Amino acid sequence: MCCAMNVPATSLRGAVRLPLSRETTIGEIDQLLRALSGVVARLRAGRSQSCGQCPSNQS
């Protein structure tokens, strides 16, 4: 999604896009929070990686 939104890679370090709707369930939000906690832990440890979908070193 970051590539489609034309967001520079340098801006992605502080950005989180959470698409929610009225149909989003509590279970889906719980799943998101579990996954997000792992991502935050990796970022705080300095082991951030690209999303895997964008070409590396894009700006």
Protein backbone atom coordinates (compact mmCIF):
# COMPACT_ATOMS: atom_id res chain seq x y z
CA MET A 1 0.00 0.00 0.00
CA CYS A 2 2.86 2.39 0.73
CA CYS A 3 3.97 2.30 -2.90
CA ALA A 4 0.44 2.85 -4.20
CA MET A 5 0.05 5.85 -1.88
CA ASN A 6 3.37 7.27 -3.20
CA VAL A 7 4.71 7.69 0.34
CA PRO A 8 8.50 8.14 0.55
CA ALA A 9 10.24 5.31 2.39
CA THR A 10 11.77 7.84 4.78
CA SER A 11 8.27 8.80 5.97
CA LEU A 12 7.19 5.24 6.64
CA ARG A 13 9.14 4.88 9.88
CA GLY A 14 6.55 6.93 11.78
CA ALA A 15 3.43 6.00 9.87
CA VAL A 16 0.79 3.35 10.48
CA ARG A 17 -2.25 2.97 8.24
CA LEU A 18 -5.11 1.09 9.86
CA PRO A 19 -8.07 0.66 7.52
CA LEU A 20 -11.11 -0.06 9.72
CA SER A 21 -14.81 -0.05 8.94
CA ARG A 22 -18.13 -0.76 10.61
CA GLU A 23 -17.69 -4.37 9.58
CA THR A 24 -14.33 -4.74 11.39
CA THR A 25 -14.77 -7.27 14.18
CA ILE A 26 -13.32 -7.27 17.69
CA GLY A 27 -11.46 -10.46 16.72
CA GLU A 28 -9.82 -8.71 13.79
CA ILE A 29 -8.78 -5.80 15.99
CA ASP A 30 -7.34 -8.24 18.56
CA GLN A 31 -5.40 -9.97 15.77
CA LEU A 32 -4.09 -6.60 14.58
CA LEU A 33 -2.95 -5.64 18.07
CA ARG A 34 -1.10 -8.93 18.53
CA ALA A 35 0.69 -8.49 15.20
CA LEU A 36 1.38 -4.81 15.80
CA SER A 37 3.00 -5.47 19.17
CA GLY A 38 5.59 -7.68 17.43
CA VAL A 39 6.30 -5.03 14.82
CA VAL A 40 6.73 -2.34 17.48
CA ALA A 41 9.11 -4.59 19.42
CA ARG A 42 11.25 -5.13 16.28
CA LEU A 43 11.30 -1.41 15.50
CA ARG A 44 12.32 -0.53 19.03
CA ALA A 45 15.10 -3.11 18.81
CA GLY A 46 16.32 -1.47 15.59
CA ARG A 47 15.52 -4.44 13.37
CA SER A 48 13.04 -2.75 11.06
CA GLN A 49 12.60 -4.15 7.59
CA SER A 50 10.73 -3.05 4.53
CA CYS A 51 7.16 -4.19 3.96
CA GLY A 52 8.47 -6.72 1.43
CA GLN A 53 6.26 -5.33 -1.32
CA CYS A 54 8.12 -2.14 -2.18
CA PRO A 55 11.49 -1.85 -3.89
CA SER A 56 14.14 -1.25 -1.24
CA ASN A 57 15.72 2.16 -0.69
CA GLN A 58 12.82 4.01 -2.25
CA SER A 59 12.47 7.67 -1.32
